[in-house]
């Protein structure tokens, strides 16, 4: 079963060789990793971490990712801009 996330503005995420920005949802399959990068004018900058499927928590995702809507009721809030001061 895949895990779904959205990318926070100001970050880029690579999953399975594909790059994702804040304009689309991303899905991580059991055999994939999510690489989270700071975005610098649309280009990947510093890598903040590489997260295996097992390490990705959909209720408390790592910096740069946010919950998919189905997890809002579980305590994950939608992006409101305050988390990163944007």
PDB file of N, CA and C in Angstrom:
ATOM      1  N   UNK A   1       0.849  -1.174   0.000  1.00  0.00           N
ATOM      2  CA  UNK A   1       0.000   0.000   0.000  1.00  0.00           C
ATOM      3  C   UNK A   1       0.898   1.241   0.000  1.00  0.00           C
ATOM      4  N   UNK A   2       0.610   2.186  -0.855  1.00  0.00           N
ATOM      5  CA  UNK A   2       1.429   3.386  -0.941  1.00  0.00           C
ATOM      6  C   UNK A   2       1.054   4.387   0.152  1.00  0.00           C
ATOM      7  N   UNK A   3       2.000   5.291   0.430  1.00  0.00           N
ATOM      8  CA  UNK A   3       1.766   6.386   1.369  1.00  0.00           C
ATOM      9  C   UNK A   3       1.735   7.674   0.556  1.00  0.00           C
ATOM     10  N   UNK A   4       0.744   8.515   0.830  1.00  0.00           N
ATOM     11  CA  UNK A   4       0.553   9.748   0.072  1.00  0.00           C
ATOM     12  C   UNK A   4       0.936  10.962   0.906  1.00  0.00           C
ATOM     13  N   UNK A   5       1.625  11.910   0.256  1.00  0.00           N
ATOM     14  CA  UNK A   5       2.031  13.158   0.894  1.00  0.00           C
ATOM     15  C   UNK A   5       1.897  14.299  -0.110  1.00  0.00           C
ATOM     16  N   UNK A   6       1.978  15.512   0.415  1.00  0.00           N
ATOM     17  CA  UNK A   6       2.124  16.706  -0.404  1.00  0.00           C
ATOM     18  C   UNK A   6       3.438  17.363  -0.012  1.00  0.00           C
ATOM     19  N   UNK A   7       4.058  18.036  -0.958  1.00  0.00           N
ATOM     20  CA  UNK A   7       5.328  18.707  -0.709  1.00  0.00           C
ATOM     21  C   UNK A   7       5.042  20.130  -0.239  1.00  0.00           C
ATOM     22  N   UNK A   8       5.734  20.559   0.807  1.00  0.00           N
ATOM     23  CA  UNK A   8       5.608  21.929   1.302  1.00  0.00           C
ATOM     24  C   UNK A   8       6.259  22.886   0.298  1.00  0.00           C
ATOM     25  N   UNK A   9       5.717  24.105   0.150  1.00  0.00           N
ATOM     26  CA  UNK A   9       6.395  25.103  -0.681  1.00  0.00           C
ATOM     27  C   UNK A   9       7.828  25.332  -0.186  1.00  0.00           C
ATOM     28  N   UNK A  10       8.763  25.476  -1.109  1.00  0.00           N
ATOM     29  CA  UNK A  10      10.166  25.693  -0.753  1.00  0.00           C
ATOM     30  C   UNK A  10      10.980  24.416  -0.676  1.00  0.00           C
ATOM     31  N   UNK A  11      10.353  23.292  -1.017  1.00  0.00           N
ATOM     32  CA  UNK A  11      11.042  22.000  -0.981  1.00  0.00           C
ATOM     33  C   UNK A  11      10.801  21.253  -2.281  1.00  0.00           C
ATOM     34  N   UNK A  12      11.693  20.339  -2.588  1.00  0.00           N
ATOM     35  CA  UNK A  12      11.532  19.392  -3.694  1.00  0.00           C
ATOM     36  C   UNK A  12      11.754  17.999  -3.123  1.00  0.00           C
ATOM     37  N   UNK A  13      11.048  17.025  -3.668  1.00  0.00           N
ATOM     38  CA  UNK A  13      11.183  15.645  -3.196  1.00  0.00           C
ATOM     39  C   UNK A  13      11.333  14.733  -4.407  1.00  0.00           C
ATOM     40  N   UNK A  14      12.291  13.809  -4.313  1.00  0.00           N
ATOM     41  CA  UNK A  14      12.497  12.831  -5.381  1.00  0.00           C
ATOM     42  C   UNK A  14      12.082  11.459  -4.873  1.00  0.00           C
ATOM     43  N   UNK A  15      11.192  10.829  -5.612  1.00  0.00           N
ATOM     44  CA  UNK A  15      10.725   9.480  -5.288  1.00  0.00           C
ATOM     45  C   UNK A  15      10.766   8.660  -6.570  1.00  0.00           C
ATOM     46  N   UNK A  16      11.465   7.549  -6.522  1.00  0.00           N
ATOM     47  CA  UNK A  16      11.520   6.674  -7.691  1.00  0.00           C
ATOM     48  C   UNK A  16      12.074   7.336  -8.933  1.00  0.00           C
ATOM     49  N   UNK A  17      12.994   8.284  -8.766  1.00  0.00           N
ATOM     50  CA  UNK A  17      13.598   8.961  -9.905  1.00  0.00           C
ATOM     51  C   UNK A  17      12.783  10.134 -10.440  1.00  0.00           C
ATOM     52  N   UNK A  18      11.600  10.388  -9.872  1.00  0.00           N
ATOM     53  CA  UNK A  18      10.768  11.510 -10.305  1.00  0.00           C
ATOM     54  C   UNK A  18      10.806  12.625  -9.272  1.00  0.00           C
ATOM     55  N   UNK A  19      10.868  13.865  -9.747  1.00  0.00           N
ATOM     56  CA  UNK A  19      10.893  15.028  -8.872  1.00  0.00           C
ATOM     57  C   UNK A  19       9.485  15.551  -8.664  1.00  0.00           C
ATOM     58  N   UNK A  20       9.188  15.984  -7.440  1.00  0.00           N
ATOM     59  CA  UNK A  20       7.876  16.522  -7.087  1.00  0.00           C
ATOM     60  C   UNK A  20       8.066  17.873  -6.398  1.00  0.00           C
ATOM     61  N   UNK A  21       7.205  18.842  -6.761  1.00  0.00           N
ATOM     62  CA  UNK A  21       7.193  20.126  -6.055  1.00  0.00           C
ATOM     63  C   UNK A  21       5.854  20.252  -5.328  1.00  0.00           C
ATOM     64  N   UNK A  22       5.562  21.441  -4.822  1.00  0.00           N
ATOM     65  CA  UNK A  22       4.371  21.626  -4.003  1.00  0.00           C
ATOM     66  C   UNK A  22       3.061  21.622  -4.793  1.00  0.00           C
ATOM     67  N   UNK A  23       3.113  21.453  -6.080  1.00  0.00           N
ATOM     68  CA  UNK A  23       1.908  21.532  -6.896  1.00  0.00           C
ATOM     69  C   UNK A  23       1.223  20.185  -7.127  1.00  0.00           C
ATOM     70  N   UNK A  24       1.791  19.104  -6.623  1.00  0.00           N
ATOM     71  CA  UNK A  24       1.195  17.786  -6.876  1.00  0.00           C
ATOM     72  C   UNK A  24       1.405  16.863  -5.686  1.00  0.00           C
ATOM     73  N   UNK A  25       0.535  15.890  -5.587  1.00  0.00           N
ATOM     74  CA  UNK A  25       0.678  14.855  -4.558  1.00  0.00           C
ATOM     75  C   UNK A  25       1.766  13.881  -4.985  1.00  0.00           C
ATOM     76  N   UNK A  26       2.365  13.230  -4.017  1.00  0.00           N
ATOM     77  CA  UNK A  26       3.324  12.179  -4.339  1.00  0.00           C
ATOM     78  C   UNK A  26       2.965  10.928  -3.554  1.00  0.00           C
ATOM     79  N   UNK A  27       3.326   9.792  -4.133  1.00  0.00           N
ATOM     80  CA  UNK A  27       3.055   8.500  -3.519  1.00  0.00           C
ATOM     81  C   UNK A  27       4.371   7.754  -3.367  1.00  0.00           C
ATOM     82  N   UNK A  28       4.578   7.165  -2.200  1.00  0.00           N
ATOM     83  CA  UNK A  28       5.781   6.379  -1.927  1.00  0.00           C
ATOM     84  C   UNK A  28       5.347   4.930  -1.762  1.00  0.00           C
ATOM     85  N   UNK A  29       5.925   4.064  -2.570  1.00  0.00           N
ATOM     86  CA  UNK A  29       5.628   2.630  -2.506  1.00  0.00           C
ATOM     87  C   UNK A  29       6.578   1.954  -1.521  1.00  0.00           C
ATOM     88  N   UNK A  30       6.258   0.735  -1.143  1.00  0.00           N
ATOM     89  CA  UNK A  30       7.021   0.011  -0.122  1.00  0.00           C
ATOM     90  C   UNK A  30       8.492  -0.174  -0.461  1.00  0.00           C
ATOM     91  N   UNK A  31       8.843  -0.213  -1.722  1.00  0.00           N
ATOM     92  CA  UNK A  31      10.238  -0.427  -2.120  1.00  0.00           C
ATOM     93  C   UNK A  31      10.945   0.876  -2.511  1.00  0.00           C
ATOM     94  N   UNK A  32      10.380   2.031  -2.164  1.00  0.00           N
ATOM     95  CA  UNK A  32      10.945   3.321  -2.555  1.00  0.00           C
ATOM     96  C   UNK A  32      11.386   4.151  -1.354  1.00  0.00           C
ATOM     97  N   UNK A  33      12.238   5.131  -1.638  1.00  0.00           N
ATOM     98  CA  UNK A  33      12.673   6.131  -0.661  1.00  0.00           C
ATOM     99  C   UNK A  33      12.204   7.505  -1.126  1.00  0.00           C
ATOM    100  N   UNK A  34      12.020   8.407  -0.181  1.00  0.00           N
ATOM    101  CA  UNK A  34      11.720   9.807  -0.493  1.00  0.00           C
ATOM    102  C   UNK A  34      12.922  10.642  -0.087  1.00  0.00           C
ATOM    103  N   UNK A  35      13.505  11.359  -1.042  1.00  0.00           N
ATOM    104  CA  UNK A  35      14.646  12.239  -0.794  1.00  0.00           C
ATOM    105  C   UNK A  35      14.117  13.669  -0.744  1.00  0.00           C
ATOM    106  N   UNK A  36      14.291  14.339   0.397  1.00  0.00           N
ATOM    107  CA  UNK A  36      13.753  15.688   0.592  1.00  0.00           C
ATOM    108  C   UNK A  36      14.883  16.708   0.456  1.00  0.00           C
ATOM    109  N   UNK A  37      14.667  17.717  -0.392  1.00  0.00           N
ATOM    110  CA  UNK A  37      15.655  18.765  -0.665  1.00  0.00           C
ATOM    111  C   UNK A  37      15.041  20.138  -0.442  1.00  0.00           C
ATOM    112  N   UNK A  38      15.868  21.084  -0.035  1.00  0.00           N
ATOM    113  CA  UNK A  38      15.467  22.489  -0.065  1.00  0.00           C
ATOM    114  C   UNK A  38      15.437  22.919  -1.521  1.00  0.00           C
ATOM    115  N   UNK A  39      14.469  23.722  -1.896  1.00  0.00           N
ATOM    116  CA  UNK A  39      14.390  24.225  -3.272  1.00  0.00           C
ATOM    117  C   UNK A  39      14.998  25.618  -3.328  1.00  0.00           C
ATOM    118  N   UNK A  40      15.841  25.829  -4.309  1.00  0.00           N
ATOM    119  CA  UNK A  40      16.469  27.124  -4.517  1.00  0.00           C
ATOM    120  C   UNK A  40      16.093  27.594  -5.917  1.00  0.00           C
ATOM    121  N   UNK A  41      15.050  28.430  -5.997  1.00  0.00           N
ATOM    122  CA  UNK A  41      14.534  28.916  -7.287  1.00  0.00           C
ATOM    123  C   UNK A  41      14.186  27.764  -8.224  1.00  0.00           C
ATOM    124  N   UNK A  42      13.550  26.732  -7.676  1.00  0.00           N
ATOM    125  CA  UNK A  42      13.109  25.602  -8.477  1.00  0.00           C
ATOM    126  C   UNK A  42      14.148  24.527  -8.714  1.00  0.00           C
ATOM    127  N   UNK A  43      15.340  24.714  -8.141  1.00  0.00           N
ATOM    128  CA  UNK A  43      16.420  23.738  -8.303  1.00  0.00           C
ATOM    129  C   UNK A  43      16.709  23.120  -6.943  1.00  0.00           C
ATOM    130  N   UNK A  44      16.957  21.815  -6.928  1.00  0.00           N
ATOM    131  CA  UNK A  44      17.246  21.137  -5.665  1.00  0.00           C
ATOM    132  C   UNK A  44      18.540  21.655  -5.053  1.00  0.00           C
ATOM    133  N   UNK A  45      18.458  21.989  -3.775  1.00  0.00           N
ATOM    134  CA  UNK A  45      19.631  22.438  -3.033  1.00  0.00           C
ATOM    135  C   UNK A  45      20.088  21.357  -2.083  1.00  0.00           C
ATOM    136  N   UNK A  46      20.245  21.696  -0.821  1.00  0.00           N
ATOM    137  CA  UNK A  46      20.719  20.759   0.192  1.00  0.00           C
ATOM    138  C   UNK A  46      19.711  19.646   0.447  1.00  0.00           C
ATOM    139  N   UNK A  47      20.233  18.426   0.541  1.00  0.00           N
ATOM    140  CA  UNK A  47      19.387  17.283   0.875  1.00  0.00           C
ATOM    141  C   UNK A  47      19.156  17.276   2.388  1.00  0.00           C
ATOM    142  N   UNK A  48      17.892  17.256   2.800  1.00  0.00           N
ATOM    143  CA  UNK A  48      17.544  17.268   4.217  1.00  0.00           C
ATOM    144  C   UNK A  48      17.416  15.864   4.788  1.00  0.00           C
ATOM    145  N   UNK A  49      17.254  14.889   3.931  1.00  0.00           N
ATOM    146  CA  UNK A  49      17.147  13.520   4.418  1.00  0.00           C
ATOM    147  C   UNK A  49      16.594  12.582   3.372  1.00  0.00           C
ATOM    148  N   UNK A  50      16.902  11.317   3.572  1.00  0.00           N
ATOM    149  CA  UNK A  50      16.379  10.242   2.730  1.00  0.00           C
ATOM    150  C   UNK A  50      15.569   9.346   3.650  1.00  0.00           C
ATOM    151  N   UNK A  51      14.298   9.160   3.311  1.00  0.00           N
ATOM    152  CA  UNK A  51      13.371   8.443   4.175  1.00  0.00           C
ATOM    153  C   UNK A  51      12.822   7.211   3.470  1.00  0.00           C
ATOM    154  N   UNK A  52      13.018   6.059   4.068  1.00  0.00           N
ATOM    155  CA  UNK A  52      12.456   4.832   3.521  1.00  0.00           C
ATOM    156  C   UNK A  52      10.952   4.820   3.772  1.00  0.00           C
ATOM    157  N   UNK A  53      10.276   3.963   3.091  1.00  0.00           N
ATOM    158  CA  UNK A  53       8.834   3.810   3.266  1.00  0.00           C
ATOM    159  C   UNK A  53       8.493   3.578   4.740  1.00  0.00           C
ATOM    160  N   UNK A  54       9.253   2.721   5.395  1.00  0.00           N
ATOM    161  CA  UNK A  54       8.990   2.383   6.796  1.00  0.00           C
ATOM    162  C   UNK A  54       9.155   3.593   7.722  1.00  0.00           C
ATOM    163  N   UNK A  55      10.073   4.508   7.394  1.00  0.00           N
ATOM    164  CA  UNK A  55      10.328   5.684   8.245  1.00  0.00           C
ATOM    165  C   UNK A  55       9.331   6.815   8.024  1.00  0.00           C
ATOM    166  N   UNK A  56       8.594   6.785   6.941  1.00  0.00           N
ATOM    167  CA  UNK A  56       7.654   7.862   6.634  1.00  0.00           C
ATOM    168  C   UNK A  56       6.364   7.674   7.422  1.00  0.00           C
ATOM    169  N   UNK A  57       6.087   8.633   8.290  1.00  0.00           N
ATOM    170  CA  UNK A  57       4.878   8.618   9.110  1.00  0.00           C
ATOM    171  C   UNK A  57       3.876   9.583   8.491  1.00  0.00           C
ATOM    172  N   UNK A  58       2.725   9.088   8.093  1.00  0.00           N
ATOM    173  CA  UNK A  58       1.749   9.935   7.421  1.00  0.00           C
ATOM    174  C   UNK A  58       1.059  10.921   8.355  1.00  0.00           C
ATOM    175  N   UNK A  59       1.080  10.677   9.638  1.00  0.00           N
ATOM    176  CA  UNK A  59       0.477  11.602  10.587  1.00  0.00           C
ATOM    177  C   UNK A  59       1.474  12.678  11.004  1.00  0.00           C
ATOM    178  N   UNK A  60       2.753  12.330  11.090  1.00  0.00           N
ATOM    179  CA  UNK A  60       3.802  13.281  11.460  1.00  0.00           C
ATOM    180  C   UNK A  60       4.941  13.177  10.443  1.00  0.00           C
ATOM    181  N   UNK A  61       4.731  13.707   9.229  1.00  0.00           N
ATOM    182  CA  UNK A  61       5.749  13.579   8.185  1.00  0.00           C
ATOM    183  C   UNK A  61       6.988  14.424   8.479  1.00  0.00           C
ATOM    184  N   UNK A  62       8.119  14.089   7.850  1.00  0.00           N
ATOM    185  CA  UNK A  62       9.333  14.878   8.048  1.00  0.00           C
ATOM    186  C   UNK A  62       9.207  16.266   7.421  1.00  0.00           C
ATOM    187  N   UNK A  63      10.108  17.153   7.803  1.00  0.00           N
ATOM    188  CA  UNK A  63      10.132  18.499   7.253  1.00  0.00           C
ATOM    189  C   UNK A  63      10.160  18.438   5.730  1.00  0.00           C
ATOM    190  N   UNK A  64       9.338  19.262   5.111  1.00  0.00           N
ATOM    191  CA  UNK A  64       9.269  19.316   3.659  1.00  0.00           C
ATOM    192  C   UNK A  64       8.081  18.570   3.087  1.00  0.00           C
ATOM    193  N   UNK A  65       7.479  17.703   3.898  1.00  0.00           N
ATOM    194  CA  UNK A  65       6.290  16.965   3.466  1.00  0.00           C
ATOM    195  C   UNK A  65       5.127  17.323   4.372  1.00  0.00           C
ATOM    196  N   UNK A  66       3.927  17.203   3.842  1.00  0.00           N
ATOM    197  CA  UNK A  66       2.741  17.391   4.674  1.00  0.00           C
ATOM    198  C   UNK A  66       1.762  16.264   4.405  1.00  0.00           C
ATOM    199  N   UNK A  67       0.840  16.096   5.322  1.00  0.00           N
ATOM    200  CA  UNK A  67      -0.120  14.999   5.280  1.00  0.00           C
ATOM    201  C   UNK A  67      -1.066  15.123   4.095  1.00  0.00           C
ATOM    202  N   UNK A  68      -1.500  13.978   3.642  1.00  0.00           N
ATOM    203  CA  UNK A  68      -2.590  13.937   2.677  1.00  0.00           C
ATOM    204  C   UNK A  68      -3.896  14.191   3.428  1.00  0.00           C
ATOM    205  N   UNK A  69      -4.909  14.716   2.780  1.00  0.00           N
ATOM    206  CA  UNK A  69      -6.149  15.096   3.465  1.00  0.00           C
ATOM    207  C   UNK A  69      -6.781  14.013   4.326  1.00  0.00           C
ATOM    208  N   UNK A  70      -6.657  12.760   3.962  1.00  0.00           N
ATOM    209  CA  UNK A  70      -7.314  11.707   4.748  1.00  0.00           C
ATOM    210  C   UNK A  70      -6.725  11.560   6.139  1.00  0.00           C
ATOM    211  N   UNK A  71      -5.575  12.186   6.416  1.00  0.00           N
ATOM    212  CA  UNK A  71      -4.953  12.072   7.731  1.00  0.00           C
ATOM    213  C   UNK A  71      -5.173  13.307   8.604  1.00  0.00           C
ATOM    214  N   UNK A  72      -5.912  14.308   8.126  1.00  0.00           N
ATOM    215  CA  UNK A  72      -6.172  15.499   8.932  1.00  0.00           C
ATOM    216  C   UNK A  72      -6.881  15.135  10.239  1.00  0.00           C
ATOM    217  N   UNK A  73      -7.822  14.225  10.166  1.00  0.00           N
ATOM    218  CA  UNK A  73      -8.568  13.832  11.362  1.00  0.00           C
ATOM    219  C   UNK A  73      -7.689  13.127  12.388  1.00  0.00           C
ATOM    220  N   UNK A  74      -6.562  12.601  11.963  1.00  0.00           N
ATOM    221  CA  UNK A  74      -5.662  11.877  12.865  1.00  0.00           C
ATOM    222  C   UNK A  74      -4.687  12.813  13.565  1.00  0.00           C
ATOM    223  N   UNK A  75      -4.846  14.121  13.385  1.00  0.00           N
ATOM    224  CA  UNK A  75      -3.989  15.075  14.078  1.00  0.00           C
ATOM    225  C   UNK A  75      -3.049  15.844  13.186  1.00  0.00           C
ATOM    226  N   UNK A  76      -3.032  15.554  11.908  1.00  0.00           N
ATOM    227  CA  UNK A  76      -2.165  16.261  10.975  1.00  0.00           C
ATOM    228  C   UNK A  76      -2.951  17.424  10.379  1.00  0.00           C
ATOM    229  N   UNK A  77      -2.407  18.602  10.457  1.00  0.00           N
ATOM    230  CA  UNK A  77      -3.097  19.791   9.959  1.00  0.00           C
ATOM    231  C   UNK A  77      -2.643  20.141   8.548  1.00  0.00           C
ATOM    232  N   UNK A  78      -3.514  20.707   7.743  1.00  0.00           N
ATOM    233  CA  UNK A  78      -3.113  21.151   6.404  1.00  0.00           C
ATOM    234  C   UNK A  78      -2.119  22.303   6.496  1.00  0.00           C
ATOM    235  N   UNK A  79      -1.403  22.531   5.419  1.00  0.00           N
ATOM    236  CA  UNK A  79      -0.411  23.610   5.376  1.00  0.00           C
ATOM    237  C   UNK A  79      -1.095  24.953   5.575  1.00  0.00           C
ATOM    238  N   UNK A  80      -0.582  25.757   6.498  1.00  0.00           N
ATOM    239  CA  UNK A  80      -1.154  27.090   6.719  1.00  0.00           C
ATOM    240  C   UNK A  80      -0.120  28.193   6.577  1.00  0.00           C
ATOM    241  N   UNK A  81       1.101  27.866   6.203  1.00  0.00           N
ATOM    242  CA  UNK A  81       2.130  28.871   6.004  1.00  0.00           C
ATOM    243  C   UNK A  81       2.904  29.230   7.257  1.00  0.00           C
ATOM    244  N   UNK A  82       2.346  28.957   8.420  1.00  0.00           N
ATOM    245  CA  UNK A  82       3.002  29.366   9.676  1.00  0.00           C
ATOM    246  C   UNK A  82       4.176  28.459  10.041  1.00  0.00           C
ATOM    247  N   UNK A  83       4.143  27.220   9.588  1.00  0.00           N
ATOM    248  CA  UNK A  83       5.180  26.255   9.990  1.00  0.00           C
ATOM    249  C   UNK A  83       6.574  26.701   9.585  1.00  0.00           C
ATOM    250  N   UNK A  84       6.694  27.275   8.386  1.00  0.00           N
ATOM    251  CA  UNK A  84       8.009  27.694   7.895  1.00  0.00           C
ATOM    252  C   UNK A  84       8.099  29.190   7.676  1.00  0.00           C
ATOM    253  N   UNK A  85       7.110  29.932   8.151  1.00  0.00           N
ATOM    254  CA  UNK A  85       7.157  31.383   8.028  1.00  0.00           C
ATOM    255  C   UNK A  85       6.916  31.892   6.638  1.00  0.00           C
ATOM    256  N   UNK A  86       6.194  31.122   5.812  1.00  0.00           N
ATOM    257  CA  UNK A  86       5.907  31.556   4.449  1.00  0.00           C
ATOM    258  C   UNK A  86       4.460  31.938   4.295  1.00  0.00           C
TER     259      UNK A  86
END
